[in-house]
C-alpha atoms as a PDB file:
ATOM      1  CA  MET A   1     169.586  84.151 201.847  1.00  0.00           C
ATOM      2  CA  GLY A   2     165.796  83.876 201.835  1.00  0.00           C
ATOM      3  CA  ARG A   3     163.660  83.890 198.696  1.00  0.00           C
ATOM      4  CA  ALA A   4     162.358  87.300 197.699  1.00  0.00           C
ATOM      5  CA  ALA A   5     158.680  87.856 198.411  1.00  0.00           C
ATOM      6  CA  GLY A   6     156.402  87.493 195.378  1.00  0.00           C
ATOM      7  CA  ARG A   7     159.039  85.844 193.192  1.00  0.00           C
ATOM      8  CA  LEU A   8     157.792  82.729 191.367  1.00  0.00           C
ATOM      9  CA  GLU A   9     160.425  80.059 190.911  1.00  0.00           C
ATOM     10  CA  TRP A  10     160.297  77.025 188.563  1.00  0.00           C
ATOM     11  CA  TRP A  11     159.990  74.580 191.452  1.00  0.00           C
ATOM     12  CA  ASP A  12     156.877  76.444 192.635  1.00  0.00           C
ATOM     13  CA  VAL A  13     155.228  75.900 189.224  1.00  0.00           C
ATOM     14  CA  LYS A  14     156.367  72.303 189.217  1.00  0.00           C
ATOM     15  CA  SER A  15     154.955  71.656 192.683  1.00  0.00           C
ATOM     16  CA  TYR A  16     151.651  73.274 191.707  1.00  0.00           C
ATOM     17  CA  LEU A  17     151.266  71.150 188.592  1.00  0.00           C
ATOM     18  CA  GLN A  18     152.097  67.969 190.543  1.00  0.00           C
ATOM     19  CA  ALA A  19     149.434  68.826 193.099  1.00  0.00           C
ATOM     20  CA  VAL A  20     146.860  69.464 190.396  1.00  0.00           C
ATOM     21  CA  TRP A  21     147.713  66.194 188.684  1.00  0.00           C
ATOM     22  CA  ARG A  22     147.286  64.190 191.962  1.00  0.00           C
ATOM     23  CA  SER A  23     143.771  65.562 192.255  1.00  0.00           C
ATOM     24  CA  ARG A  24     141.278  63.699 190.011  1.00  0.00           C
ATOM     25  CA  ARG A  25     139.264  66.838 189.364  1.00  0.00           C
ATOM     26  CA  GLY A  26     142.422  68.840 188.802  1.00  0.00           C
ATOM     27  CA  ARG A  27     143.777  66.123 186.518  1.00  0.00           C
ATOM     28  CA  TRP A  28     140.756  66.262 184.236  1.00  0.00           C
ATOM     29  CA  GLY A  29     140.803  70.016 184.350  1.00  0.00           C
ATOM     30  CA  LEU A  30     144.410  70.099 183.206  1.00  0.00           C
ATOM     31  CA  VAL A  31     143.686  67.662 180.383  1.00  0.00           C
ATOM     32  CA  GLY A  32     140.733  69.783 179.343  1.00  0.00           C
ATOM     33  CA  ALA A  33     142.868  72.900 179.318  1.00  0.00           C
ATOM     34  CA  VAL A  34     145.428  71.223 177.082  1.00  0.00           C
ATOM     35  CA  VAL A  35     142.684  70.031 174.704  1.00  0.00           C
ATOM     36  CA  LEU A  36     141.093  73.492 174.686  1.00  0.00           C
ATOM     37  CA  LEU A  37     144.454  75.101 173.941  1.00  0.00           C
ATOM     38  CA  ALA A  38     145.083  72.678 171.089  1.00  0.00           C
ATOM     39  CA  TRP A  39     141.630  73.304 169.640  1.00  0.00           C
ATOM     40  CA  ALA A  40     142.010  77.064 169.897  1.00  0.00           C
ATOM     41  CA  THR A  41     145.416  76.910 168.219  1.00  0.00           C
ATOM     42  CA  HIS A  42     143.953  74.816 165.406  1.00  0.00           C
ATOM     43  CA  ALA A  43     140.995  77.181 165.032  1.00  0.00           C
ATOM     44  CA  VAL A  44     143.215  80.246 164.833  1.00  0.00           C
ATOM     45  CA  LYS A  45     145.512  78.506 162.382  1.00  0.00           C
ATOM     46  CA  GLY A  46     142.567  77.526 160.210  1.00  0.00           C
ATOM     47  CA  GLN A  47     141.490  81.148 159.989  1.00  0.00           C
ATOM     48  CA  LEU A  48     144.849  82.392 158.717  1.00  0.00           C
ATOM     49  CA  PRO A  49     144.956  83.078 154.970  1.00  0.00           C
ATOM     50  CA  GLU A  50     146.898  80.524 152.982  1.00  0.00           C
ATOM     51  CA  VAL A  51     149.509  81.750 150.528  1.00  0.00           C
ATOM     52  CA  GLU A  52     151.921  80.099 148.133  1.00  0.00           C
ATOM     53  CA  THR A  53     155.513  81.240 148.350  1.00  0.00           C
ATOM     54  CA  ALA A  54     158.814  80.953 146.512  1.00  0.00           C
ATOM     55  CA  VAL A  55     162.406  81.694 147.481  1.00  0.00           C
ATOM     56  CA  ALA A  56     164.506  84.289 145.648  1.00  0.00           C
ATOM     57  CA  ARG A  57     167.506  82.554 144.076  1.00  0.00           C
ATOM     58  CA  THR A  58     170.485  83.304 141.870  1.00  0.00           C
ATOM     59  CA  ALA A  59     170.259  81.788 138.384  1.00  0.00           C
ATOM     60  CA  ASP A  60     170.709  82.475 134.681  1.00  0.00           C
ATOM     61  CA  LEU A  61     167.554  83.839 133.088  1.00  0.00           C
ATOM     62  CA  TRP A  62     166.647  82.385 129.695  1.00  0.00           C
ATOM     63  CA  LEU A  63     163.939  83.220 127.182  1.00  0.00           C
ATOM     64  CA  THR A  64     162.518  80.395 125.077  1.00  0.00           C
ATOM     65  CA  ILE A  65     161.662  81.521 121.561  1.00  0.00           C
ATOM     66  CA  ALA A  66     159.440  79.556 119.200  1.00  0.00           C
ATOM     67  CA  ALA A  67     158.502  80.890 115.787  1.00  0.00           C
ATOM     68  CA  SER A  68     157.569  79.848 112.305  1.00  0.00           C
ATOM     69  CA  GLY A  69     159.374  80.561 109.088  1.00  0.00           C
ATOM     70  CA  SER A  70     160.413  79.091 105.775  1.00  0.00           C
ATOM     71  CA  VAL A  71     163.432  77.838 103.873  1.00  0.00           C
ATOM     72  CA  GLU A  72     164.599  80.298 101.242  1.00  0.00           C
ATOM     73  CA  GLY A  73     167.137  80.318  98.445  1.00  0.00           C
ATOM     74  CA  VAL A  74     168.293  82.286  95.418  1.00  0.00           C
ATOM     75  CA  ALA A  75     165.625  81.879  92.736  1.00  0.00           C
ATOM     76  CA  SER A  76     164.943  83.548  89.424  1.00  0.00           C
ATOM     77  CA  ASP A  77     162.013  83.683  87.002  1.00  0.00           C
ATOM     78  CA  LEU A  78     163.453  83.704  83.474  1.00  0.00           C
ATOM     79  CA  SER A  79     161.810  85.347  80.472  1.00  0.00           C
ATOM     80  CA  PHE A  80     162.570  86.520  76.943  1.00  0.00           C
ATOM     81  CA  ASN A  81     163.315  90.127  76.140  1.00  0.00           C
ATOM     82  CA  GLU A  82     161.091  90.078  73.061  1.00  0.00           C
ATOM     83  CA  THR A  83     157.856  88.429  71.964  1.00  0.00           C
ATOM     84  CA  GLY A  84     157.930  85.279  69.819  1.00  0.00           C
ATOM     85  CA  ARG A  85     156.961  81.637  69.411  1.00  0.00           C
ATOM     86  CA  LEU A  86     158.716  79.157  71.702  1.00  0.00           C
ATOM     87  CA  VAL A  87     160.397  76.829  69.231  1.00  0.00           C
ATOM     88  CA  GLU A  88     162.852  75.019  71.525  1.00  0.00           C
ATOM     89  CA  LEU A  89     162.543  74.082  75.211  1.00  0.00           C
ATOM     90  CA  TYR A  90     165.665  72.210  76.238  1.00  0.00           C
ATOM     91  CA  VAL A  91     164.867  71.419  79.886  1.00  0.00           C
ATOM     92  CA  ARG A  92     162.113  69.984  82.058  1.00  0.00           C
ATOM     93  CA  GLU A  93     161.130  70.481  85.673  1.00  0.00           C
ATOM     94  CA  GLY A  94     163.704  68.919  87.989  1.00  0.00           C
ATOM     95  CA  ASP A  95     166.621  69.174  85.558  1.00  0.00           C
ATOM     96  CA  THR A  96     170.017  70.357  86.759  1.00  0.00           C
ATOM     97  CA  VAL A  97     171.525  73.154  84.683  1.00  0.00           C
ATOM     98  CA  ARG A  98     174.847  74.920  84.484  1.00  0.00           C
ATOM     99  CA  GLU A  99     175.556  78.633  84.305  1.00  0.00           C
ATOM    100  CA  GLU A 100     175.219  80.043  80.744  1.00  0.00           C
ATOM    101  CA  GLN A 101     173.506  76.872  79.502  1.00  0.00           C
ATOM    102  CA  VAL A 102     170.852  77.605  76.849  1.00  0.00           C
ATOM    103  CA  LEU A 103     167.466  76.646  78.228  1.00  0.00           C
ATOM    104  CA  ALA A 104     164.917  77.846  75.665  1.00  0.00           C
ATOM    105  CA  ARG A 105     164.688  79.572  72.263  1.00  0.00           C
ATOM    106  CA  ILE A 106     162.017  81.494  70.412  1.00  0.00           C
ATOM    107  CA  GLU A 107     161.762  81.884  66.643  1.00  0.00           C
ATOM    108  CA  PRO A 108     164.744  83.857  65.391  1.00  0.00           C
ATOM    109  CA  GLY A 109     164.445  87.592  65.772  1.00  0.00           C
ATOM    110  CA  LEU A 110     166.492  90.502  64.605  1.00  0.00           C
ATOM    111  CA  THR A 111     166.811  92.221  67.979  1.00  0.00           C
ATOM    112  CA  LEU A 112     170.254  92.220  69.582  1.00  0.00           C
ATOM    113  CA  SER A 113     171.329  93.306  73.020  1.00  0.00           C
ATOM    114  CA  ALA A 114     173.725  96.206  73.504  1.00  0.00           C
ATOM    115  CA  GLY A 115     176.556  93.699  73.426  1.00  0.00           C
ATOM    116  CA  GLY A 116     175.404  92.145  70.177  1.00  0.00           C
ATOM    117  CA  VAL A 117     173.963  89.021  71.835  1.00  0.00           C
ATOM    118  CA  PRO A 118     170.727  87.646  70.314  1.00  0.00           C
ATOM    119  CA  LEU A 119     167.682  88.104  72.564  1.00  0.00           C
ATOM    120  CA  ASP A 120     165.907  85.000  71.273  1.00  0.00           C
ATOM    121  CA  VAL A 121     167.383  82.622  73.874  1.00  0.00           C
ATOM    122  CA  ILE A 122     167.222  82.132  77.653  1.00  0.00           C
ATOM    123  CA  ARG A 123     170.443  81.210  79.404  1.00  0.00           C
ATOM    124  CA  ALA A 124     170.909  79.978  82.992  1.00  0.00           C
ATOM    125  CA  PRO A 125     172.233  82.801  85.199  1.00  0.00           C
ATOM    126  CA  PHE A 126     173.750  80.296  87.658  1.00  0.00           C
ATOM    127  CA  ASP A 127     174.130  76.603  88.438  1.00  0.00           C
ATOM    128  CA  GLY A 128     170.807  75.325  89.695  1.00  0.00           C
ATOM    129  CA  TRP A 129     167.626  73.352  89.223  1.00  0.00           C
ATOM    130  CA  VAL A 130     164.603  73.962  87.042  1.00  0.00           C
ATOM    131  CA  VAL A 131     161.706  74.044  89.497  1.00  0.00           C
ATOM    132  CA  ALA A 132     158.922  75.232  87.162  1.00  0.00           C
ATOM    133  CA  VAL A 133     158.189  75.451  83.432  1.00  0.00           C
ATOM    134  CA  HIS A 134     155.393  77.922  82.706  1.00  0.00           C
ATOM    135  CA  CYS A 135     155.098  77.621  78.908  1.00  0.00           C
ATOM    136  CA  TYR A 136     155.058  74.764  76.461  1.00  0.00           C
ATOM    137  CA  GLN A 137     156.879  74.398  73.180  1.00  0.00           C
ATOM    138  CA  GLY A 138     155.040  76.035  70.278  1.00  0.00           C
ATOM    139  CA  SER A 139     153.266  78.647  72.366  1.00  0.00           C
ATOM    140  CA  VAL A 140     153.667  82.372  71.827  1.00  0.00           C
ATOM    141  CA  VAL A 141     155.341  84.053  74.751  1.00  0.00           C
ATOM    142  CA  GLN A 142     155.232  87.736  75.509  1.00  0.00           C
ATOM    143  CA  GLN A 143     158.214  89.858  76.359  1.00  0.00           C
ATOM    144  CA  GLY A 144     158.868  89.626  80.131  1.00  0.00           C
ATOM    145  CA  LEU A 145     156.440  86.698  80.647  1.00  0.00           C
ATOM    146  CA  PRO A 146     158.061  84.070  82.960  1.00  0.00           C
ATOM    147  CA  VAL A 147     158.960  80.915  81.049  1.00  0.00           C
ATOM    148  CA  LEU A 148     161.159  79.052  83.560  1.00  0.00           C
ATOM    149  CA  ARG A 149     161.971  79.292  87.261  1.00  0.00           C
ATOM    150  CA  LEU A 150     165.429  78.335  88.550  1.00  0.00           C
ATOM    151  CA  VAL A 151     166.717  77.829  92.078  1.00  0.00           C
ATOM    152  CA  GLN A 152     170.438  78.184  92.697  1.00  0.00           C
ATOM    153  CA  GLN A 153     172.389  75.193  93.931  1.00  0.00           C
ATOM    154  CA  GLY A 154     173.922  75.230  97.400  1.00  0.00           C
ATOM    155  CA  GLN A 155     172.216  78.397  98.623  1.00  0.00           C
ATOM    156  CA  ARG A 156     169.834  77.805 101.527  1.00  0.00           C
ATOM    157  CA  TRP A 157     168.848  79.898 104.496  1.00  0.00           C
ATOM    158  CA  VAL A 158     165.870  80.168 106.828  1.00  0.00           C
ATOM    159  CA  THR A 159     163.775  83.252 107.415  1.00  0.00           C
ATOM    160  CA  ALA A 160     161.988  83.296 110.773  1.00  0.00           C
ATOM    161  CA  TYR A 161     159.205  85.693 111.737  1.00  0.00           C
ATOM    162  CA  LEU A 162     159.439  86.866 115.366  1.00  0.00           C
ATOM    163  CA  ASP A 163     157.288  89.090 117.520  1.00  0.00           C
ATOM    164  CA  SER A 164     158.957  92.426 118.168  1.00  0.00           C
ATOM    165  CA  GLU A 165     159.497  91.654 121.880  1.00  0.00           C
ATOM    166  CA  ASP A 166     161.329  88.412 121.074  1.00  0.00           C
ATOM    167  CA  ALA A 167     163.296  89.900 118.186  1.00  0.00           C
ATOM    168  CA  ALA A 168     164.639  92.611 120.513  1.00  0.00           C
ATOM    169  CA  GLN A 169     166.467  89.886 122.479  1.00  0.00           C
ATOM    170  CA  VAL A 170     168.024  88.158 119.452  1.00  0.00           C
ATOM    171  CA  ARG A 171     171.634  88.806 118.450  1.00  0.00           C
ATOM    172  CA  GLU A 172     173.842  87.692 115.570  1.00  0.00           C
ATOM    173  CA  GLY A 173     175.519  84.359 116.251  1.00  0.00           C
ATOM    174  CA  GLN A 174     172.842  82.960 118.573  1.00  0.00           C
ATOM    175  CA  ARG A 175     171.906  79.361 117.850  1.00  0.00           C
ATOM    176  CA  PHE A 176     168.492  77.938 116.996  1.00  0.00           C
ATOM    177  CA  THR A 177     167.137  74.804 115.358  1.00  0.00           C
ATOM    178  CA  CYS A 178     164.497  74.288 112.708  1.00  0.00           C
ATOM    179  CA  ARG A 179     162.204  71.378 111.957  1.00  0.00           C
ATOM    180  CA  ALA A 180     159.843  70.665 109.117  1.00  0.00           C
ATOM    181  CA  GLY A 181     156.719  68.589 109.485  1.00  0.00           C
ATOM    182  CA  GLY A 182     156.450  68.429 113.245  1.00  0.00           C
ATOM    183  CA  TYR A 183     158.282  68.051 116.544  1.00  0.00           C
ATOM    184  CA  LEU A 184     159.712  64.572 115.844  1.00  0.00           C
ATOM    185  CA  SER A 185     161.308  65.444 112.526  1.00  0.00           C
ATOM    186  CA  ARG A 186     165.029  66.014 112.112  1.00  0.00           C
ATOM    187  CA  ALA A 187     166.407  69.206 113.656  1.00  0.00           C
ATOM    188  CA  TRP A 188     168.846  71.346 111.655  1.00  0.00           C
ATOM    189  CA  PRO A 189     171.141  73.710 113.596  1.00  0.00           C
ATOM    190  CA  LEU A 190     171.009  77.371 112.581  1.00  0.00           C
ATOM    191  CA  ALA A 191     172.795  80.577 113.544  1.00  0.00           C
ATOM    192  CA  VAL A 192     171.404  84.104 113.380  1.00  0.00           C
ATOM    193  CA  VAL A 193     173.132  86.180 110.687  1.00  0.00           C
ATOM    194  CA  ARG A 194     170.771  89.149 110.443  1.00  0.00           C
ATOM    195  CA  VAL A 195     167.933  90.672 112.472  1.00  0.00           C
ATOM    196  CA  GLY A 196     165.500  92.990 110.725  1.00  0.00           C
ATOM    197  CA  HIS A 197     165.058  96.564 111.894  1.00  0.00           C
ATOM    198  CA  GLU A 198     161.354  96.816 111.093  1.00  0.00           C
ATOM    199  CA  ALA A 199     158.208  94.848 111.807  1.00  0.00           C
ATOM    200  CA  VAL A 200     156.554  94.005 108.482  1.00  0.00           C
ATOM    201  CA  PRO A 201     153.625  91.848 107.328  1.00  0.00           C
ATOM    202  CA  ARG A 202     154.524  88.306 106.327  1.00  0.00           C
ATOM    203  CA  ASP A 203     154.770  87.670 102.607  1.00  0.00           C
ATOM    204  CA  ASP A 204     153.344  84.159 102.950  1.00  0.00           C
ATOM    205  CA  VAL A 205     150.429  85.005 105.285  1.00  0.00           C
ATOM    206  CA  PRO A 206     148.135  87.712 103.893  1.00  0.00           C
ATOM    207  CA  GLY A 207     146.620  89.885 106.591  1.00  0.00           C
ATOM    208  CA  SER A 208     149.087  88.694 109.247  1.00  0.00           C
ATOM    209  CA  ALA A 209     150.259  90.848 112.128  1.00  0.00           C
ATOM    210  CA  LYS A 210     153.545  92.647 111.590  1.00  0.00           C
ATOM    211  CA  GLN A 211     156.629  90.691 112.642  1.00  0.00           C
ATOM    212  CA  VAL A 212     160.397  91.067 112.424  1.00  0.00           C
ATOM    213  CA  ARG A 213     162.265  89.015 109.819  1.00  0.00           C
ATOM    214  CA  VAL A 214     165.302  87.158 111.153  1.00  0.00           C
ATOM    215  CA  ARG A 215     167.703  85.395 108.789  1.00  0.00           C
ATOM    216  CA  LEU A 216     169.407  82.210 109.982  1.00  0.00           C
ATOM    217  CA  GLN A 217     172.129  80.231 108.255  1.00  0.00           C
ATOM    218  CA  PRO A 218     172.417  76.409 108.403  1.00  0.00           C
ATOM    219  CA  GLN A 219     175.438  75.310 110.444  1.00  0.00           C
ATOM    220  CA  GLU A 220     175.997  72.015 108.704  1.00  0.00           C
ATOM    221  CA  ALA A 221     175.768  70.722 105.159  1.00  0.00           C
ATOM    222  CA  GLY A 222     172.751  68.813 104.042  1.00  0.00           C
ATOM    223  CA  LEU A 223     169.781  71.125 104.568  1.00  0.00           C
ATOM    224  CA  VAL A 224     167.880  69.327 101.836  1.00  0.00           C
ATOM    225  CA  LEU A 225     164.569  71.105 102.353  1.00  0.00           C
ATOM    226  CA  PRO A 226     163.665  73.015  99.200  1.00  0.00           C
ATOM    227  CA  PRO A 227     162.986  76.752  99.252  1.00  0.00           C
ATOM    228  CA  GLY A 228     159.446  77.526 100.292  1.00  0.00           C
ATOM    229  CA  THR A 229     159.265  74.725 102.875  1.00  0.00           C
ATOM    230  CA  PRO A 230     157.542  75.955 106.072  1.00  0.00           C
ATOM    231  CA  VAL A 231     159.547  75.217 109.215  1.00  0.00           C
ATOM    232  CA  ASP A 232     159.287  75.648 112.981  1.00  0.00           C
ATOM    233  CA  ILE A 233     162.164  77.438 114.713  1.00  0.00           C
ATOM    234  CA  ASP A 234     162.996  77.184 118.396  1.00  0.00           C
ATOM    235  CA  GLY A 235     165.825  78.083 120.742  1.00  0.00           C
ATOM    236  CA  GLU A 236     166.812  79.908 123.908  1.00  0.00           C
ATOM    237  CA  VAL A 237     168.548  83.240 124.450  1.00  0.00           C
ATOM    238  CA  GLU A 238     170.142  84.347 127.722  1.00  0.00           C
ATOM    239  CA  LEU A 239     168.514  87.448 129.169  1.00  0.00           C
ATOM    240  CA  ALA A 240     170.610  87.762 132.345  1.00  0.00           C
ATOM    241  CA  HIS A 241     173.586  85.907 133.813  1.00  0.00           C
ATOM    242  CA  GLN A 242     173.472  84.863 137.471  1.00  0.00           C
ATOM    243  CA  ALA A 243     170.680  87.254 138.364  1.00  0.00           C
ATOM    244  CA  LEU A 244     168.470  87.215 141.445  1.00  0.00           C
ATOM    245  CA  VAL A 245     165.193  85.786 140.138  1.00  0.00           C
ATOM    246  CA  ILE A 246     161.689  85.248 141.511  1.00  0.00           C
ATOM    247  CA  PRO A 247     158.458  84.150 139.838  1.00  0.00           C
ATOM    248  CA  ALA A 248     157.036  86.979 137.734  1.00  0.00           C
ATOM    249  CA  ALA A 249     153.623  86.324 139.292  1.00  0.00           C
ATOM    250  CA  ALA A 250     154.968  87.514 142.670  1.00  0.00           C
ATOM    251  CA  VAL A 251     155.402  91.097 141.467  1.00  0.00           C
ATOM    252  CA  VAL A 252     152.629  93.643 142.017  1.00  0.00           C
ATOM    253  CA  ARG A 253     152.796  96.758 139.818  1.00  0.00           C
ATOM    254  CA  GLU A 254     151.026  99.931 140.876  1.00  0.00           C
ATOM    255  CA  ASN A 255     151.545 103.526 139.732  1.00  0.00           C
ATOM    256  CA  GLY A 256     154.724 102.661 137.893  1.00  0.00           C
ATOM    257  CA  ARG A 257     156.276 100.917 140.907  1.00  0.00           C
ATOM    258  CA  SER A 258     156.915  97.269 141.650  1.00  0.00           C
ATOM    259  CA  ARG A 259     156.623  95.519 144.989  1.00  0.00           C
ATOM    260  CA  VAL A 260     156.376  92.065 146.511  1.00  0.00           C
ATOM    261  CA  TRP A 261     155.062  90.636 149.757  1.00  0.00           C
ATOM    262  CA  ARG A 262     158.041  89.289 151.710  1.00  0.00           C
ATOM    263  CA  LEU A 263     157.378  86.589 154.307  1.00  0.00           C
ATOM    264  CA  ARG A 264     159.361  86.470 157.540  1.00  0.00           C
ATOM    265  CA  ALA A 265     158.466  84.546 160.704  1.00  0.00           C
ATOM    266  CA  GLY A 266     154.938  83.934 159.463  1.00  0.00           C
ATOM    267  CA  GLN A 267     154.241  87.617 158.752  1.00  0.00           C
ATOM    268  CA  VAL A 268     154.165  89.459 155.436  1.00  0.00           C
ATOM    269  CA  GLN A 269     155.349  92.954 154.665  1.00  0.00           C
ATOM    270  CA  PRO A 270     155.288  94.859 151.348  1.00  0.00           C
ATOM    271  CA  VAL A 271     158.745  95.514 149.896  1.00  0.00           C
ATOM    272  CA  GLU A 272     159.418  97.826 146.958  1.00  0.00           C
ATOM    273  CA  ILE A 273     161.785  96.351 144.367  1.00  0.00           C
ATOM    274  CA  SER A 274     163.311  97.279 141.038  1.00  0.00           C
ATOM    275  CA  THR A 275     163.172  94.703 138.273  1.00  0.00           C
ATOM    276  CA  GLY A 276     165.105  93.818 135.142  1.00  0.00           C
ATOM    277  CA  ALA A 277     164.652  91.295 132.368  1.00  0.00           C
ATOM    278  CA  ASN A 278     161.879  88.719 132.508  1.00  0.00           C
ATOM    279  CA  ASN A 279     160.820  85.746 130.443  1.00  0.00           C
ATOM    280  CA  PHE A 280     157.169  85.986 131.561  1.00  0.00           C
ATOM    281  CA  ARG A 281     157.725  83.159 134.071  1.00  0.00           C
ATOM    282  CA  GLN A 282     160.728  84.435 136.039  1.00  0.00           C
ATOM    283  CA  ILE A 283     161.890  88.013 136.547  1.00  0.00           C
ATOM    284  CA  ALA A 284     165.238  89.472 137.592  1.00  0.00           C
ATOM    285  CA  VAL A 285     165.270  91.585 140.761  1.00  0.00           C
ATOM    286  CA  LEU A 286     167.838  94.392 140.732  1.00  0.00           C
ATOM    287  CA  SER A 287     167.260  95.705 144.263  1.00  0.00           C
ATOM    288  CA  GLY A 288     164.998  95.255 147.284  1.00  0.00           C
ATOM    289  CA  LEU A 289     165.511  91.543 147.921  1.00  0.00           C
ATOM    290  CA  ALA A 290     168.361  89.224 148.853  1.00  0.00           C
ATOM    291  CA  PRO A 291     169.000  85.568 147.974  1.00  0.00           C
ATOM    292  CA  GLY A 292     166.948  83.349 150.267  1.00  0.00           C
ATOM    293  CA  ASP A 293     164.133  85.867 150.827  1.00  0.00           C
ATOM    294  CA  THR A 294     160.669  84.317 150.639  1.00  0.00           C
ATOM    295  CA  VAL A 295     157.994  86.075 148.582  1.00  0.00           C
ATOM    296  CA  VAL A 296     154.289  85.444 148.164  1.00  0.00           C
ATOM    297  CA  VAL A 297     153.327  84.281 144.675  1.00  0.00           C
ATOM    298  CA  GLU A 298     149.658  83.349 145.081  1.00  0.00           C
ATOM    299  CA  GLY A 299     147.147  84.700 147.613  1.00  0.00           C
ATOM    300  CA  LYS A 300     148.303  88.325 147.615  1.00  0.00           C
ATOM    301  CA  THR A 301     144.933  90.046 147.196  1.00  0.00           C
ATOM    302  CA  SER A 302     143.767  89.788 150.836  1.00  0.00           C
ATOM    303  CA  LEU A 303     147.062  90.686 152.486  1.00  0.00           C
ATOM    304  CA  THR A 304     147.777  93.718 154.643  1.00  0.00           C
ATOM    305  CA  PRO A 305     151.093  94.747 156.225  1.00  0.00           C
ATOM    306  CA  GLY A 306     151.849  92.463 159.165  1.00  0.00           C
ATOM    307  CA  SER A 307     149.310  89.782 158.200  1.00  0.00           C
ATOM    308  CA  LEU A 308     149.922  86.350 159.666  1.00  0.00           C
ATOM    309  CA  VAL A 309     149.656  83.656 157.001  1.00  0.00           C
ATOM    310  CA  ARG A 310     149.932  79.937 156.444  1.00  0.00           C
ATOM    311  CA  ALA A 311     152.487  79.299 153.721  1.00  0.00           C
ATOM    312  CA  LYS A 312     153.044  76.442 151.338  1.00  0.00           C
ATOM    313  CA  ALA A 313     155.497  76.092 148.485  1.00  0.00           C
ATOM    314  CA  TRP A 314     154.401  77.457 145.115  1.00  0.00           C
ATOM    315  CA  THR A 315     154.571  75.088 142.163  1.00  0.00           C
ATOM    316  CA  GLU A 316     154.554  76.582 138.674  1.00  0.00           C
ATOM    317  CA  GLY A 317     151.445  75.469 136.845  1.00  0.00           C
ATOM    318  CA  GLY A 318     149.998  73.899 139.977  1.00  0.00           C
ATOM    319  CA  GLY A 319     147.056  74.859 142.112  1.00  0.00           C
END
């Protein structure tokens, strides 16, 4: 059967190219065409906007929390219930005392408590240490004026001050560590035992912004830091388990909606998504994307639907 009129077969193209190549002028023309095509391709490619992209992946989403706080303990300022001259001071700063031990006495008075106990002595309310002596023997002390300060033995906890956003993610039982005096110091393990329900000013920082108090309990014996020691607290809390995550910088928010630019076959298209938890670096995507989808992280401002782009991998913190 003969070849249909007007139909161009592969061997026709092949024969034509061989004829052109055998001709010197045709040979140089073909080379020039190839060079021109390569140059044009390069020129067009150079004009495409460059974007940085990342791939949506399934992972656990964690929030790193760093805060400051202090070691605390049960402490008590002790005073007399009447005015008199301090005639006996039985302890000094640093001494260990036992519960009900007599610590100081003023000149004998006639006042008795409701139970018939003389009010001219100070007794230790618990086992502990004398951490401050405010009066000296022979001085006149006023009723209610602190004479001694005691700290109870064996009672230590840490109070951390967290921003409200971080505190909202903290739960009882979560683990943290604390350090005193810098990053290289010993780390003591802690567990959250109570999260405050109100943001309040810090007692130790006048004029500070309001923060939430979180109480943490040491998880091993030997927290030797005395009450009042400032410490740094750090740890991680899980925000989402095996969530679909993308860089938070990829999300564009407009009019209460969230979208990303999805890249497929060199072209970008806007895709509306719904989002969940985020740790300010990564964000969980609840709908709109699938694992393996590529999204634009940097270079979004000049994009329009269907734009052709040159893509390179996004590196967090990189240019």
